[in-house]
Amino acid sequence: MRGLLYAALGVTALASVPTGSAQTGDILQKAINTPGVAYSVYGAGQTNKPVKADVVGGRALQVVVTATGGNVWDVGASSPIAKPIARGDRIVVAFWARAPKLAGDATASIPFAGVAMAATPYTPIVTGSAAVGREWKLQQVTGVAASDAATGAAMVSLHLGGAKAVFEFGPIFVLDLGKGG
């Protein structure tokens, strides 16, 4: 697991950890999810299946957005966060993604990629977005937690209903770097 995490995050997430701080220890201790391909997909306008992939871990989840509705959140993917989050903590969401059916340098938009409460009204805690291209890329969303979330009360949320597209998602990692991290 430790090797997978280091290989998957590479220098991207490690670069966000301040040098010389107490946070430069084992980055795995900062994970607040179970790293891997643990996504739940929802929405009538999609199909999904696990696929073999040339990404860290060798597995991905393919999501084909077949129809779009009135809201970008009508189709989406989520992943649970097992540990609590404290308001003011610096959160890093890192996930491998690609949209292999795109032409050339085109990108498919994920208009919301972040952390939200796992129950109605799904209040955002950390917000961001992602532009996914044809090749595997480690997408990263960072932010300061806008509110507390108890153990198991938060999730990563990816809104995919903005346009018809084929997405593939590899391992996802959520790190809590603490206050001022």
Protein backbone atom coordinates (compact mmCIF):
# COMPACT_ATOMS: atom_id res chain seq x y z
CA MET A 1 0.00 0.00 0.00
CA ARG A 2 2.78 2.44 0.93
CA GLY A 3 4.53 1.88 -2.43
CA LEU A 4 1.27 2.39 -4.30
CA LEU A 5 0.63 5.66 -2.49
CA TYR A 6 4.11 7.05 -3.16
CA ALA A 7 4.04 5.96 -6.81
CA ALA A 8 0.54 7.30 -7.36
CA LEU A 9 1.08 10.65 -5.70
CA GLY A 10 4.60 11.15 -6.98
CA VAL A 11 6.07 14.54 -6.27
CA THR A 12 2.79 16.40 -6.85
CA ALA A 13 1.27 15.95 -3.40
CA LEU A 14 4.65 15.75 -1.71
CA ALA A 15 5.47 19.19 -3.11
CA SER A 16 2.51 20.57 -1.17
CA VAL A 17 3.96 19.41 2.15
CA PRO A 18 6.15 22.14 3.66
CA THR A 19 9.83 21.27 3.90
CA GLY A 20 11.23 21.15 7.40
CA SER A 21 7.83 20.75 9.03
CA ALA A 22 6.54 17.89 11.12
CA GLN A 23 4.46 16.98 8.07
CA THR A 24 7.40 15.72 6.02
CA GLY A 25 7.11 12.30 7.68
CA ASP A 26 5.24 9.38 6.18
CA ILE A 27 2.64 10.91 3.82
CA LEU A 28 0.48 7.78 4.21
CA GLN A 29 -0.28 8.88 7.77
CA LYS A 30 -2.05 11.93 6.26
CA ALA A 31 -4.51 9.81 4.22
CA ILE A 32 -8.10 10.18 5.43
CA ASN A 33 -9.56 7.75 2.89
CA THR A 34 -8.66 4.23 1.88
CA PRO A 35 -6.54 4.92 -1.24
CA GLY A 36 -7.60 2.96 -4.30
CA VAL A 37 -10.29 2.70 -6.95
CA ALA A 38 -13.23 2.99 -4.52
CA TYR A 39 -15.85 4.99 -6.42
CA SER A 40 -19.65 4.82 -6.35
CA VAL A 41 -21.25 6.11 -9.55
CA TYR A 42 -24.79 7.46 -9.77
CA GLY A 43 -27.21 8.91 -12.28
CA ALA A 44 -29.47 7.58 -15.01
CA GLY A 45 -27.33 9.06 -17.79
CA GLN A 46 -24.29 6.82 -17.29
CA THR A 47 -22.90 3.30 -17.44
CA ASN A 48 -19.79 2.16 -15.59
CA LYS A 49 -17.52 -0.84 -15.27
CA PRO A 50 -14.10 -1.76 -13.89
CA VAL A 51 -11.37 -1.98 -16.55
CA LYS A 52 -7.72 -2.94 -16.73
CA ALA A 53 -5.65 0.20 -17.20
CA ASP A 54 -2.11 1.41 -17.69
CA VAL A 55 -2.22 3.37 -14.43
CA VAL A 56 -0.82 2.79 -10.96
CA GLY A 57 -2.46 -0.37 -9.59
CA GLY A 58 -3.47 -1.60 -13.06
CA ARG A 59 -7.23 -1.04 -12.50
CA ALA A 60 -9.60 1.82 -13.23
CA LEU A 61 -13.30 2.57 -13.28
CA GLN A 62 -14.68 3.56 -16.68
CA VAL A 63 -17.71 5.88 -16.62
CA VAL A 64 -19.53 6.59 -19.86
CA VAL A 65 -21.75 9.67 -19.56
CA THR A 66 -24.50 8.87 -22.10
CA ALA A 67 -26.92 11.70 -21.37
CA THR A 68 -26.79 15.03 -19.63
CA GLY A 69 -29.62 16.58 -17.69
CA GLY A 70 -30.30 19.96 -16.24
CA ASN A 71 -27.63 19.72 -13.52
CA VAL A 72 -23.96 18.75 -13.63
CA TRP A 73 -24.50 16.71 -10.45
CA ASP A 74 -27.16 14.50 -12.09
CA VAL A 75 -24.31 12.12 -13.01
CA GLY A 76 -21.35 11.73 -10.73
CA ALA A 77 -18.88 9.63 -8.83
CA SER A 78 -18.14 9.69 -5.14
CA SER A 79 -15.63 8.07 -2.84
CA PRO A 80 -15.92 7.78 0.94
CA ILE A 81 -13.70 9.58 3.44
CA ALA A 82 -13.25 7.47 6.56
CA LYS A 83 -11.72 9.96 8.97
CA PRO A 84 -12.93 13.29 10.38
CA ILE A 85 -12.05 16.68 8.92
CA ALA A 86 -11.53 19.82 11.01
CA ARG A 87 -12.45 23.26 9.74
CA GLY A 88 -9.28 25.07 8.65
CA ASP A 89 -7.34 21.90 7.73
CA ARG A 90 -5.60 21.87 4.36
CA ILE A 91 -7.07 19.05 2.26
CA VAL A 92 -5.54 17.52 -0.88
CA VAL A 93 -7.69 15.38 -3.18
CA ALA A 94 -5.57 13.60 -5.79
CA PHE A 95 -6.98 11.19 -8.36
CA TRP A 96 -5.77 9.67 -11.60
CA ALA A 97 -8.11 10.36 -14.53
CA ARG A 98 -8.30 10.41 -18.30
CA ALA A 99 -10.92 10.74 -21.05
CA PRO A 100 -9.50 8.33 -23.64
CA LYS A 101 -12.04 8.97 -26.44
CA LEU A 102 -11.27 12.69 -26.79
CA ALA A 103 -9.69 14.03 -29.96
CA GLY A 104 -6.29 15.71 -29.86
CA ASP A 105 -5.77 18.19 -27.02
CA ALA A 106 -9.46 18.42 -26.10
CA THR A 107 -10.47 18.10 -22.46
CA ALA A 108 -13.57 16.93 -20.66
CA SER A 109 -14.66 19.07 -17.73
CA ILE A 110 -15.38 17.93 -14.21
CA PRO A 111 -16.98 21.18 -12.99
CA PHE A 112 -16.96 20.11 -9.34
CA ALA A 113 -14.19 17.95 -7.94
CA GLY A 114 -13.85 18.26 -4.21
CA VAL A 115 -15.03 17.21 -0.79
CA ALA A 116 -18.63 17.56 0.38
CA MET A 117 -20.82 16.29 3.17
CA ALA A 118 -22.13 12.80 2.37
CA ALA A 119 -25.77 13.61 3.19
CA THR A 120 -28.32 16.21 2.19
CA PRO A 121 -27.74 19.09 1.56
CA TYR A 122 -24.24 17.87 0.46
CA THR A 123 -22.55 21.04 1.69
CA PRO A 124 -19.17 21.61 0.00
CA ILE A 125 -16.10 21.47 2.27
CA VAL A 126 -13.32 21.86 -0.33
CA THR A 127 -14.16 22.91 -3.89
CA GLY A 128 -12.34 22.70 -7.18
CA SER A 129 -12.66 21.43 -10.73
CA ALA A 130 -10.64 19.39 -13.21
CA ALA A 131 -9.99 19.36 -16.95
CA VAL A 132 -9.32 15.78 -18.04
CA GLY A 133 -7.41 14.97 -21.24
CA ARG A 134 -6.75 11.78 -23.22
CA GLU A 135 -3.69 10.71 -21.21
CA TRP A 136 -3.52 9.63 -17.58
CA LYS A 137 -2.83 12.60 -15.35
CA LEU A 138 -2.86 13.02 -11.60
CA GLN A 139 -5.57 15.61 -10.96
CA GLN A 140 -5.20 17.57 -7.76
CA VAL A 141 -7.66 19.75 -5.85
CA THR A 142 -6.43 21.51 -2.72
CA GLY A 143 -8.19 23.77 -0.32
CA VAL A 144 -8.86 24.71 3.26
CA ALA A 145 -11.79 22.86 4.83
CA ALA A 146 -14.73 25.26 5.15
CA SER A 147 -16.34 23.19 7.91
CA ASP A 148 -15.91 20.21 10.20
CA ALA A 149 -16.99 16.72 9.17
CA ALA A 150 -17.33 13.85 11.62
CA THR A 151 -15.88 10.40 10.94
CA GLY A 152 -17.55 9.04 7.80
CA ALA A 153 -19.63 12.18 7.20
CA ALA A 154 -17.69 13.46 4.16
CA MET A 155 -17.00 12.16 0.67
CA VAL A 156 -15.13 13.09 -2.47
CA SER A 157 -17.62 14.20 -5.09
CA LEU A 158 -17.01 14.42 -8.84
CA HIS A 159 -19.82 15.95 -10.94
CA LEU A 160 -19.73 14.38 -14.40
CA GLY A 161 -23.06 15.44 -15.94
CA GLY A 162 -21.77 18.47 -17.84
CA ALA A 163 -21.20 16.75 -21.17
CA LYS A 164 -21.27 13.33 -22.80
CA ALA A 165 -17.83 11.78 -22.34
CA VAL A 166 -15.94 8.62 -21.45
CA PHE A 167 -13.93 8.98 -18.23
CA GLU A 168 -11.56 6.54 -16.59
CA PHE A 169 -10.64 6.96 -12.94
CA GLY A 170 -7.64 5.36 -11.28
CA PRO A 171 -6.65 5.49 -7.61
CA ILE A 172 -7.91 8.34 -5.45
CA PHE A 173 -6.16 9.73 -2.38
CA VAL A 174 -7.37 12.26 0.16
CA LEU A 175 -4.80 13.83 2.49
CA ASP A 176 -5.40 16.03 5.52
CA LEU A 177 -2.30 18.15 6.06
CA GLY A 178 -3.70 19.83 9.17
CA LYS A 179 -3.82 23.53 10.00
CA GLY A 180 -1.41 25.70 8.08
CA GLY A 181 -0.22 22.65 6.13
